[in-house]
């Protein structure tokens, strides 16, 4: 799995981690978790999946010397925006339904 994920290398570490997170998770799962378990959510940093993500990044020549903090920041950011992405998707779907209903 580490090798497969390491193929998702992009121009910068944030974009690379975004691609990995999109591949592994949906926003419903991420909205119930936080990196260190704040607000009673599940802790992401202790999962084996988090270790796999870090190892995948280390395998990429471009990011082999990146620090854990450089990896954590985009993961935390992506996870923190999971709920707003879900809300935006729900609004978009509601608008599509409303348009479809008004056409009938």
PDB file of N, CA and C in Angstrom:
ATOM      1  N   UNK A   1       0.826  -1.187   0.000  1.00  0.00           N
ATOM      2  CA  UNK A   1       0.000   0.000   0.000  1.00  0.00           C
ATOM      3  C   UNK A   1       0.876   1.260   0.000  1.00  0.00           C
ATOM      4  N   UNK A   2       1.965   1.240   0.756  1.00  0.00           N
ATOM      5  CA  UNK A   2       2.869   2.381   0.810  1.00  0.00           C
ATOM      6  C   UNK A   2       3.388   2.712  -0.586  1.00  0.00           C
ATOM      7  N   UNK A   3       3.769   1.687  -1.320  1.00  0.00           N
ATOM      8  CA  UNK A   3       4.307   1.890  -2.665  1.00  0.00           C
ATOM      9  C   UNK A   3       3.247   2.488  -3.593  1.00  0.00           C
ATOM     10  N   UNK A   4       2.021   1.986  -3.508  1.00  0.00           N
ATOM     11  CA  UNK A   4       0.930   2.514  -4.336  1.00  0.00           C
ATOM     12  C   UNK A   4       0.692   3.991  -4.037  1.00  0.00           C
ATOM     13  N   UNK A   5       0.618   4.334  -2.771  1.00  0.00           N
ATOM     14  CA  UNK A   5       0.362   5.720  -2.387  1.00  0.00           C
ATOM     15  C   UNK A   5       1.519   6.637  -2.767  1.00  0.00           C
ATOM     16  N   UNK A   6       2.717   6.116  -2.769  1.00  0.00           N
ATOM     17  CA  UNK A   6       3.867   6.950  -3.122  1.00  0.00           C
ATOM     18  C   UNK A   6       3.831   7.368  -4.598  1.00  0.00           C
ATOM     19  N   UNK A   7       3.004   6.737  -5.368  1.00  0.00           N
ATOM     20  CA  UNK A   7       2.848   7.111  -6.790  1.00  0.00           C
ATOM     21  C   UNK A   7       1.981   8.367  -6.967  1.00  0.00           C
ATOM     22  N   UNK A   8       1.370   8.825  -5.890  1.00  0.00           N
ATOM     23  CA  UNK A   8       0.504  10.000  -5.960  1.00  0.00           C
ATOM     24  C   UNK A   8       1.274  11.301  -5.752  1.00  0.00           C
ATOM     25  N   UNK A   9       2.570  11.268  -5.954  1.00  0.00           N
ATOM     26  CA  UNK A   9       3.427  12.438  -5.762  1.00  0.00           C
ATOM     27  C   UNK A   9       2.971  13.583  -6.659  1.00  0.00           C
ATOM     28  N   UNK A  10       2.936  14.766  -6.084  1.00  0.00           N
ATOM     29  CA  UNK A  10       2.518  15.955  -6.809  1.00  0.00           C
ATOM     30  C   UNK A  10       3.597  17.030  -6.677  1.00  0.00           C
ATOM     31  N   UNK A  11       3.271  18.250  -7.069  1.00  0.00           N
ATOM     32  CA  UNK A  11       4.273  19.317  -7.084  1.00  0.00           C
ATOM     33  C   UNK A  11       4.702  19.779  -5.692  1.00  0.00           C
ATOM     34  N   UNK A  12       3.809  19.654  -4.711  1.00  0.00           N
ATOM     35  CA  UNK A  12       4.182  20.036  -3.340  1.00  0.00           C
ATOM     36  C   UNK A  12       3.578  19.048  -2.350  1.00  0.00           C
ATOM     37  N   UNK A  13       4.029  19.115  -1.117  1.00  0.00           N
ATOM     38  CA  UNK A  13       3.627  18.132  -0.122  1.00  0.00           C
ATOM     39  C   UNK A  13       2.138  18.248   0.229  1.00  0.00           C
ATOM     40  N   UNK A  14       1.614  19.459   0.244  1.00  0.00           N
ATOM     41  CA  UNK A  14       0.192  19.647   0.560  1.00  0.00           C
ATOM     42  C   UNK A  14      -0.700  18.984  -0.485  1.00  0.00           C
ATOM     43  N   UNK A  15      -0.385  19.209  -1.740  1.00  0.00           N
ATOM     44  CA  UNK A  15      -1.166  18.607  -2.833  1.00  0.00           C
ATOM     45  C   UNK A  15      -1.034  17.090  -2.816  1.00  0.00           C
ATOM     46  N   UNK A  16       0.145  16.601  -2.538  1.00  0.00           N
ATOM     47  CA  UNK A  16       0.382  15.164  -2.470  1.00  0.00           C
ATOM     48  C   UNK A  16      -0.449  14.531  -1.356  1.00  0.00           C
ATOM     49  N   UNK A  17      -0.440  15.137  -0.191  1.00  0.00           N
ATOM     50  CA  UNK A  17      -1.211  14.604   0.932  1.00  0.00           C
ATOM     51  C   UNK A  17      -2.708  14.690   0.645  1.00  0.00           C
ATOM     52  N   UNK A  18      -3.143  15.756  -0.009  1.00  0.00           N
ATOM     53  CA  UNK A  18      -4.562  15.870  -0.390  1.00  0.00           C
ATOM     54  C   UNK A  18      -4.971  14.695  -1.277  1.00  0.00           C
ATOM     55  N   UNK A  19      -4.135  14.374  -2.254  1.00  0.00           N
ATOM     56  CA  UNK A  19      -4.440  13.251  -3.144  1.00  0.00           C
ATOM     57  C   UNK A  19      -4.499  11.934  -2.377  1.00  0.00           C
ATOM     58  N   UNK A  20      -3.566  11.742  -1.467  1.00  0.00           N
ATOM     59  CA  UNK A  20      -3.547  10.512  -0.666  1.00  0.00           C
ATOM     60  C   UNK A  20      -4.797  10.423   0.203  1.00  0.00           C
ATOM     61  N   UNK A  21      -5.137  11.522   0.866  1.00  0.00           N
ATOM     62  CA  UNK A  21      -6.312  11.530   1.746  1.00  0.00           C
ATOM     63  C   UNK A  21      -7.594  11.282   0.950  1.00  0.00           C
ATOM     64  N   UNK A  22      -7.709  11.872  -0.228  1.00  0.00           N
ATOM     65  CA  UNK A  22      -8.882  11.647  -1.074  1.00  0.00           C
ATOM     66  C   UNK A  22      -8.966  10.192  -1.520  1.00  0.00           C
ATOM     67  N   UNK A  23      -7.831   9.574  -1.738  1.00  0.00           N
ATOM     68  CA  UNK A  23      -7.803   8.181  -2.163  1.00  0.00           C
ATOM     69  C   UNK A  23      -8.233   7.247  -1.036  1.00  0.00           C
ATOM     70  N   UNK A  24      -7.807   7.547   0.173  1.00  0.00           N
ATOM     71  CA  UNK A  24      -8.037   6.643   1.298  1.00  0.00           C
ATOM     72  C   UNK A  24      -9.354   6.862   2.034  1.00  0.00           C
ATOM     73  N   UNK A  25      -9.842   8.100   2.088  1.00  0.00           N
ATOM     74  CA  UNK A  25     -10.969   8.424   2.957  1.00  0.00           C
ATOM     75  C   UNK A  25     -12.056   9.205   2.244  1.00  0.00           C
ATOM     76  N   UNK A  26     -13.273   9.083   2.789  1.00  0.00           N
ATOM     77  CA  UNK A  26     -14.327  10.003   2.369  1.00  0.00           C
ATOM     78  C   UNK A  26     -14.542  10.997   3.506  1.00  0.00           C
ATOM     79  N   UNK A  27     -15.223  12.078   3.229  1.00  0.00           N
ATOM     80  CA  UNK A  27     -15.384  13.144   4.220  1.00  0.00           C
ATOM     81  C   UNK A  27     -16.240  12.724   5.411  1.00  0.00           C
ATOM     82  N   UNK A  28     -17.138  11.768   5.229  1.00  0.00           N
ATOM     83  CA  UNK A  28     -17.943  11.291   6.350  1.00  0.00           C
ATOM     84  C   UNK A  28     -17.045  10.681   7.430  1.00  0.00           C
ATOM     85  N   UNK A  29     -16.071   9.906   7.011  1.00  0.00           N
ATOM     86  CA  UNK A  29     -15.141   9.293   7.970  1.00  0.00           C
ATOM     87  C   UNK A  29     -14.283  10.366   8.635  1.00  0.00           C
ATOM     88  N   UNK A  30     -13.743  11.274   7.833  1.00  0.00           N
ATOM     89  CA  UNK A  30     -12.847  12.296   8.374  1.00  0.00           C
ATOM     90  C   UNK A  30     -13.558  13.275   9.292  1.00  0.00           C
ATOM     91  N   UNK A  31     -14.835  13.532   9.060  1.00  0.00           N
ATOM     92  CA  UNK A  31     -15.546  14.496   9.900  1.00  0.00           C
ATOM     93  C   UNK A  31     -15.714  13.996  11.330  1.00  0.00           C
ATOM     94  N   UNK A  32     -15.598  12.699  11.550  1.00  0.00           N
ATOM     95  CA  UNK A  32     -15.706  12.136  12.894  1.00  0.00           C
ATOM     96  C   UNK A  32     -14.367  11.938  13.571  1.00  0.00           C
ATOM     97  N   UNK A  33     -13.305  12.459  12.961  1.00  0.00           N
ATOM     98  CA  UNK A  33     -11.958  12.286  13.506  1.00  0.00           C
ATOM     99  C   UNK A  33     -11.228  13.618  13.515  1.00  0.00           C
ATOM    100  N   UNK A  34     -10.218  13.703  14.351  1.00  0.00           N
ATOM    101  CA  UNK A  34      -9.287  14.826  14.296  1.00  0.00           C
ATOM    102  C   UNK A  34      -7.886  14.250  14.489  1.00  0.00           C
ATOM    103  N   UNK A  35      -6.888  15.015  14.143  1.00  0.00           N
ATOM    104  CA  UNK A  35      -5.530  14.480  14.160  1.00  0.00           C
ATOM    105  C   UNK A  35      -5.128  13.986  15.550  1.00  0.00           C
ATOM    106  N   UNK A  36      -5.474  14.746  16.589  1.00  0.00           N
ATOM    107  CA  UNK A  36      -5.104  14.319  17.943  1.00  0.00           C
ATOM    108  C   UNK A  36      -6.327  14.047  18.823  1.00  0.00           C
ATOM    109  N   UNK A  37      -7.510  13.971  18.245  1.00  0.00           N
ATOM    110  CA  UNK A  37      -8.689  13.566  18.994  1.00  0.00           C
ATOM    111  C   UNK A  37      -9.407  14.656  19.756  1.00  0.00           C
ATOM    112  N   UNK A  38      -9.320  15.885  19.320  1.00  0.00           N
ATOM    113  CA  UNK A  38     -10.040  16.971  19.978  1.00  0.00           C
ATOM    114  C   UNK A  38     -11.542  16.820  19.831  1.00  0.00           C
ATOM    115  N   UNK A  39     -12.269  17.479  20.722  1.00  0.00           N
ATOM    116  CA  UNK A  39     -13.736  17.557  20.694  1.00  0.00           C
ATOM    117  C   UNK A  39     -14.393  16.186  20.746  1.00  0.00           C
ATOM    118  N   UNK A  40     -13.754  15.240  21.406  1.00  0.00           N
ATOM    119  CA  UNK A  40     -14.343  13.912  21.542  1.00  0.00           C
ATOM    120  C   UNK A  40     -14.336  13.086  20.269  1.00  0.00           C
ATOM    121  N   UNK A  41     -13.604  13.539  19.275  1.00  0.00           N
ATOM    122  CA  UNK A  41     -13.524  12.801  18.017  1.00  0.00           C
ATOM    123  C   UNK A  41     -12.473  11.698  18.116  1.00  0.00           C
ATOM    124  N   UNK A  42     -12.504  10.801  17.150  1.00  0.00           N
ATOM    125  CA  UNK A  42     -11.515   9.725  17.094  1.00  0.00           C
ATOM    126  C   UNK A  42     -10.152  10.304  16.729  1.00  0.00           C
ATOM    127  N   UNK A  43      -9.105   9.704  17.263  1.00  0.00           N
ATOM    128  CA  UNK A  43      -7.741  10.165  17.023  1.00  0.00           C
ATOM    129  C   UNK A  43      -7.179   9.531  15.751  1.00  0.00           C
ATOM    130  N   UNK A  44      -6.745  10.377  14.827  1.00  0.00           N
ATOM    131  CA  UNK A  44      -6.210   9.913  13.553  1.00  0.00           C
ATOM    132  C   UNK A  44      -4.719   9.581  13.647  1.00  0.00           C
ATOM    133  N   UNK A  45      -3.977  10.351  14.438  1.00  0.00           N
ATOM    134  CA  UNK A  45      -2.515  10.227  14.459  1.00  0.00           C
ATOM    135  C   UNK A  45      -2.022   8.877  14.962  1.00  0.00           C
ATOM    136  N   UNK A  46      -2.849   8.155  15.697  1.00  0.00           N
ATOM    137  CA  UNK A  46      -2.429   6.861  16.234  1.00  0.00           C
ATOM    138  C   UNK A  46      -2.804   5.692  15.325  1.00  0.00           C
ATOM    139  N   UNK A  47      -3.501   5.962  14.250  1.00  0.00           N
ATOM    140  CA  UNK A  47      -3.912   4.898  13.336  1.00  0.00           C
ATOM    141  C   UNK A  47      -2.739   4.424  12.473  1.00  0.00           C
ATOM    142  N   UNK A  48      -2.778   3.171  12.117  1.00  0.00           N
ATOM    143  CA  UNK A  48      -1.765   2.618  11.216  1.00  0.00           C
ATOM    144  C   UNK A  48      -1.803   3.335   9.864  1.00  0.00           C
ATOM    145  N   UNK A  49      -2.968   3.798   9.473  1.00  0.00           N
ATOM    146  CA  UNK A  49      -3.113   4.516   8.207  1.00  0.00           C
ATOM    147  C   UNK A  49      -2.277   5.786   8.195  1.00  0.00           C
ATOM    148  N   UNK A  50      -2.201   6.455   9.324  1.00  0.00           N
ATOM    149  CA  UNK A  50      -1.375   7.660   9.415  1.00  0.00           C
ATOM    150  C   UNK A  50       0.091   7.310   9.194  1.00  0.00           C
ATOM    151  N   UNK A  51       0.524   6.223   9.771  1.00  0.00           N
ATOM    152  CA  UNK A  51       1.902   5.752   9.576  1.00  0.00           C
ATOM    153  C   UNK A  51       2.150   5.422   8.105  1.00  0.00           C
ATOM    154  N   UNK A  52       1.182   4.807   7.459  1.00  0.00           N
ATOM    155  CA  UNK A  52       1.301   4.462   6.038  1.00  0.00           C
ATOM    156  C   UNK A  52       1.444   5.728   5.203  1.00  0.00           C
ATOM    157  N   UNK A  53       0.677   6.758   5.524  1.00  0.00           N
ATOM    158  CA  UNK A  53       0.764   8.024   4.787  1.00  0.00           C
ATOM    159  C   UNK A  53       2.171   8.616   4.952  1.00  0.00           C
ATOM    160  N   UNK A  54       2.673   8.648   6.186  1.00  0.00           N
ATOM    161  CA  UNK A  54       4.002   9.197   6.436  1.00  0.00           C
ATOM    162  C   UNK A  54       5.068   8.397   5.683  1.00  0.00           C
ATOM    163  N   UNK A  55       4.970   7.090   5.700  1.00  0.00           N
ATOM    164  CA  UNK A  55       5.941   6.248   4.986  1.00  0.00           C
ATOM    165  C   UNK A  55       5.858   6.468   3.475  1.00  0.00           C
ATOM    166  N   UNK A  56       4.669   6.650   2.963  1.00  0.00           N
ATOM    167  CA  UNK A  56       4.491   6.908   1.526  1.00  0.00           C
ATOM    168  C   UNK A  56       5.187   8.197   1.124  1.00  0.00           C
ATOM    169  N   UNK A  57       5.040   9.220   1.953  1.00  0.00           N
ATOM    170  CA  UNK A  57       5.694  10.502   1.675  1.00  0.00           C
ATOM    171  C   UNK A  57       7.212  10.348   1.735  1.00  0.00           C
ATOM    172  N   UNK A  58       7.694   9.598   2.705  1.00  0.00           N
ATOM    173  CA  UNK A  58       9.148   9.390   2.833  1.00  0.00           C
ATOM    174  C   UNK A  58       9.730   8.653   1.633  1.00  0.00           C
ATOM    175  N   UNK A  59       8.938   7.827   0.984  1.00  0.00           N
ATOM    176  CA  UNK A  59       9.417   7.080  -0.191  1.00  0.00           C
ATOM    177  C   UNK A  59       9.576   7.970  -1.420  1.00  0.00           C
ATOM    178  N   UNK A  60       8.931   9.122  -1.407  1.00  0.00           N
ATOM    179  CA  UNK A  60       9.008  10.036  -2.546  1.00  0.00           C
ATOM    180  C   UNK A  60      10.312  10.820  -2.462  1.00  0.00           C
ATOM    181  N   UNK A  61      11.119  10.725  -3.499  1.00  0.00           N
ATOM    182  CA  UNK A  61      12.423  11.394  -3.496  1.00  0.00           C
ATOM    183  C   UNK A  61      12.293  12.882  -3.194  1.00  0.00           C
ATOM    184  N   UNK A  62      11.282  13.483  -3.750  1.00  0.00           N
ATOM    185  CA  UNK A  62      11.067  14.912  -3.592  1.00  0.00           C
ATOM    186  C   UNK A  62      10.846  15.318  -2.130  1.00  0.00           C
ATOM    187  N   UNK A  63      10.225  14.443  -1.345  1.00  0.00           N
ATOM    188  CA  UNK A  63       9.854  14.784   0.027  1.00  0.00           C
ATOM    189  C   UNK A  63      10.553  13.927   1.079  1.00  0.00           C
ATOM    190  N   UNK A  64      11.585  13.192   0.699  1.00  0.00           N
ATOM    191  CA  UNK A  64      12.217  12.247   1.621  1.00  0.00           C
ATOM    192  C   UNK A  64      12.789  12.921   2.867  1.00  0.00           C
ATOM    193  N   UNK A  65      13.165  14.205   2.779  1.00  0.00           N
ATOM    194  CA  UNK A  65      13.734  14.912   3.918  1.00  0.00           C
ATOM    195  C   UNK A  65      12.716  15.788   4.644  1.00  0.00           C
ATOM    196  N   UNK A  66      11.452  15.654   4.303  1.00  0.00           N
ATOM    197  CA  UNK A  66      10.439  16.488   4.959  1.00  0.00           C
ATOM    198  C   UNK A  66      10.236  16.051   6.410  1.00  0.00           C
ATOM    199  N   UNK A  67       9.926  17.000   7.241  1.00  0.00           N
ATOM    200  CA  UNK A  67       9.723  16.720   8.661  1.00  0.00           C
ATOM    201  C   UNK A  67       8.292  16.225   8.904  1.00  0.00           C
ATOM    202  N   UNK A  68       8.084  15.637  10.071  1.00  0.00           N
ATOM    203  CA  UNK A  68       6.741  15.192  10.426  1.00  0.00           C
ATOM    204  C   UNK A  68       5.772  16.369  10.502  1.00  0.00           C
ATOM    205  N   UNK A  69       6.248  17.509  10.964  1.00  0.00           N
ATOM    206  CA  UNK A  69       5.396  18.705  11.055  1.00  0.00           C
ATOM    207  C   UNK A  69       4.944  19.143   9.671  1.00  0.00           C
ATOM    208  N   UNK A  70       5.831  19.042   8.688  1.00  0.00           N
ATOM    209  CA  UNK A  70       5.471  19.399   7.310  1.00  0.00           C
ATOM    210  C   UNK A  70       4.406  18.459   6.756  1.00  0.00           C
ATOM    211  N   UNK A  71       4.358  17.246   7.255  1.00  0.00           N
ATOM    212  CA  UNK A  71       3.339  16.283   6.826  1.00  0.00           C
ATOM    213  C   UNK A  71       2.044  16.460   7.623  1.00  0.00           C
ATOM    214  N   UNK A  72       2.182  16.752   8.905  1.00  0.00           N
ATOM    215  CA  UNK A  72       1.012  16.886   9.774  1.00  0.00           C
ATOM    216  C   UNK A  72       0.117  18.043   9.373  1.00  0.00           C
ATOM    217  N   UNK A  73       0.714  19.175   9.049  1.00  0.00           N
ATOM    218  CA  UNK A  73      -0.062  20.382   8.771  1.00  0.00           C
ATOM    219  C   UNK A  73      -1.101  20.169   7.658  1.00  0.00           C
ATOM    220  N   UNK A  74      -0.728  19.643   6.479  1.00  0.00           N
ATOM    221  CA  UNK A  74      -1.752  19.444   5.448  1.00  0.00           C
ATOM    222  C   UNK A  74      -2.769  18.357   5.810  1.00  0.00           C
ATOM    223  N   UNK A  75      -2.361  17.368   6.602  1.00  0.00           N
ATOM    224  CA  UNK A  75      -3.315  16.342   7.036  1.00  0.00           C
ATOM    225  C   UNK A  75      -4.354  16.981   7.946  1.00  0.00           C
ATOM    226  N   UNK A  76      -3.889  17.765   8.909  1.00  0.00           N
ATOM    227  CA  UNK A  76      -4.805  18.452   9.823  1.00  0.00           C
ATOM    228  C   UNK A  76      -5.732  19.394   9.053  1.00  0.00           C
ATOM    229  N   UNK A  77      -5.178  20.096   8.104  1.00  0.00           N
ATOM    230  CA  UNK A  77      -5.968  21.030   7.299  1.00  0.00           C
ATOM    231  C   UNK A  77      -7.050  20.289   6.517  1.00  0.00           C
ATOM    232  N   UNK A  78      -6.670  19.199   5.849  1.00  0.00           N
ATOM    233  CA  UNK A  78      -7.630  18.432   5.047  1.00  0.00           C
ATOM    234  C   UNK A  78      -8.734  17.865   5.938  1.00  0.00           C
ATOM    235  N   UNK A  79      -8.352  17.345   7.094  1.00  0.00           N
ATOM    236  CA  UNK A  79      -9.337  16.788   8.020  1.00  0.00           C
ATOM    237  C   UNK A  79     -10.251  17.875   8.570  1.00  0.00           C
ATOM    238  N   UNK A  80      -9.694  19.026   8.881  1.00  0.00           N
ATOM    239  CA  UNK A  80     -10.475  20.129   9.435  1.00  0.00           C
ATOM    240  C   UNK A  80     -11.514  20.679   8.489  1.00  0.00           C
ATOM    241  N   UNK A  81     -11.321  20.471   7.210  1.00  0.00           N
ATOM    242  CA  UNK A  81     -12.280  20.972   6.221  1.00  0.00           C
ATOM    243  C   UNK A  81     -13.260  19.905   5.741  1.00  0.00           C
ATOM    244  N   UNK A  82     -13.236  18.734   6.345  1.00  0.00           N
ATOM    245  CA  UNK A  82     -14.141  17.653   5.917  1.00  0.00           C
ATOM    246  C   UNK A  82     -15.607  18.025   6.118  1.00  0.00           C
ATOM    247  N   UNK A  83     -15.954  18.543   7.279  1.00  0.00           N
ATOM    248  CA  UNK A  83     -17.352  18.907   7.552  1.00  0.00           C
ATOM    249  C   UNK A  83     -17.831  20.022   6.625  1.00  0.00           C
ATOM    250  N   UNK A  84     -17.065  21.109   6.428  1.00  0.00           N
ATOM    251  CA  UNK A  84     -17.516  22.124   5.459  1.00  0.00           C
ATOM    252  C   UNK A  84     -17.681  21.570   4.038  1.00  0.00           C
ATOM    253  N   UNK A  85     -16.812  20.630   3.644  1.00  0.00           N
ATOM    254  CA  UNK A  85     -16.973  20.030   2.311  1.00  0.00           C
ATOM    255  C   UNK A  85     -18.279  19.242   2.227  1.00  0.00           C
ATOM    256  N   UNK A  86     -18.614  18.537   3.297  1.00  0.00           N
ATOM    257  CA  UNK A  86     -19.876  17.792   3.331  1.00  0.00           C
ATOM    258  C   UNK A  86     -21.070  18.733   3.242  1.00  0.00           C
ATOM    259  N   UNK A  87     -21.024  19.836   3.974  1.00  0.00           N
ATOM    260  CA  UNK A  87     -22.121  20.813   3.948  1.00  0.00           C
ATOM    261  C   UNK A  87     -22.268  21.422   2.555  1.00  0.00           C
ATOM    262  N   UNK A  88     -21.147  21.738   1.934  1.00  0.00           N
ATOM    263  CA  UNK A  88     -21.175  22.317   0.587  1.00  0.00           C
ATOM    264  C   UNK A  88     -21.776  21.318  -0.411  1.00  0.00           C
ATOM    265  N   UNK A  89     -21.399  20.062  -0.283  1.00  0.00           N
ATOM    266  CA  UNK A  89     -21.946  19.027  -1.158  1.00  0.00           C
ATOM    267  C   UNK A  89     -23.443  18.865  -0.945  1.00  0.00           C
ATOM    268  N   UNK A  90     -23.873  18.907   0.309  1.00  0.00           N
ATOM    269  CA  UNK A  90     -25.307  18.786   0.613  1.00  0.00           C
ATOM    270  C   UNK A  90     -26.082  19.955   0.012  1.00  0.00           C
ATOM    271  N   UNK A  91     -25.545  21.158   0.110  1.00  0.00           N
ATOM    272  CA  UNK A  91     -26.201  22.329  -0.478  1.00  0.00           C
ATOM    273  C   UNK A  91     -26.280  22.209  -1.992  1.00  0.00           C
ATOM    274  N   UNK A  92     -25.225  21.728  -2.586  1.00  0.00           N
ATOM    275  CA  UNK A  92     -25.187  21.552  -4.041  1.00  0.00           C
ATOM    276  C   UNK A  92     -26.230  20.526  -4.475  1.00  0.00           C
ATOM    277  N   UNK A  93     -26.297  19.406  -3.747  1.00  0.00           N
ATOM    278  CA  UNK A  93     -27.278  18.373  -4.065  1.00  0.00           C
ATOM    279  C   UNK A  93     -28.699  18.879  -3.873  1.00  0.00           C
ATOM    280  N   UNK A  94     -28.920  19.683  -2.831  1.00  0.00           N
ATOM    281  CA  UNK A  94     -30.241  20.248  -2.575  1.00  0.00           C
ATOM    282  C   UNK A  94     -30.645  21.193  -3.697  1.00  0.00           C
ATOM    283  N   UNK A  95     -29.703  21.978  -4.182  1.00  0.00           N
ATOM    284  CA  UNK A  95     -29.984  22.898  -5.288  1.00  0.00           C
ATOM    285  C   UNK A  95     -30.346  22.125  -6.546  1.00  0.00           C
ATOM    286  N   UNK A  96     -29.664  21.035  -6.800  1.00  0.00           N
ATOM    287  CA  UNK A  96     -29.960  20.209  -7.977  1.00  0.00           C
ATOM    288  C   UNK A  96     -31.351  19.608  -7.852  1.00  0.00           C
ATOM    289  N   UNK A  97     -31.692  19.136  -6.660  1.00  0.00           N
ATOM    290  CA  UNK A  97     -33.025  18.560  -6.435  1.00  0.00           C
ATOM    291  C   UNK A  97     -34.089  19.626  -6.627  1.00  0.00           C
ATOM    292  N   UNK A  98     -33.845  20.823  -6.104  1.00  0.00           N
ATOM    293  CA  UNK A  98     -34.820  21.912  -6.240  1.00  0.00           C
ATOM    294  C   UNK A  98     -35.022  22.298  -7.705  1.00  0.00           C
ATOM    295  N   UNK A  99     -33.960  22.294  -8.473  1.00  0.00           N
ATOM    296  CA  UNK A  99     -34.072  22.613  -9.902  1.00  0.00           C
ATOM    297  C   UNK A  99     -34.874  21.523 -10.598  1.00  0.00           C
ATOM    298  N   UNK A 100     -34.594  20.261 -10.268  1.00  0.00           N
ATOM    299  CA  UNK A 100     -35.295  19.136 -10.880  1.00  0.00           C
ATOM    300  C   UNK A 100     -36.774  19.154 -10.535  1.00  0.00           C
ATOM    301  N   UNK A 101     -37.114  19.470  -9.293  1.00  0.00           N
ATOM    302  CA  UNK A 101     -38.504  19.522  -8.860  1.00  0.00           C
ATOM    303  C   UNK A 101     -39.242  20.664  -9.534  1.00  0.00           C
ATOM    304  N   UNK A 102     -38.583  21.793  -9.702  1.00  0.00           N
ATOM    305  CA  UNK A 102     -39.252  22.940 -10.325  1.00  0.00           C
ATOM    306  C   UNK A 102     -39.466  22.724 -11.826  1.00  0.00           C
ATOM    307  N   UNK A 103     -38.725  21.812 -12.429  1.00  0.00           N
ATOM    308  CA  UNK A 103     -38.895  21.507 -13.855  1.00  0.00           C
ATOM    309  C   UNK A 103     -40.097  20.601 -14.105  1.00  0.00           C
ATOM    310  N   UNK A 104     -40.569  19.940 -13.048  1.00  0.00           N
ATOM    311  CA  UNK A 104     -41.658  18.963 -13.200  1.00  0.00           C
ATOM    312  C   UNK A 104     -42.967  19.616 -13.278  1.00  0.00           C
TER     313      UNK A 104
END
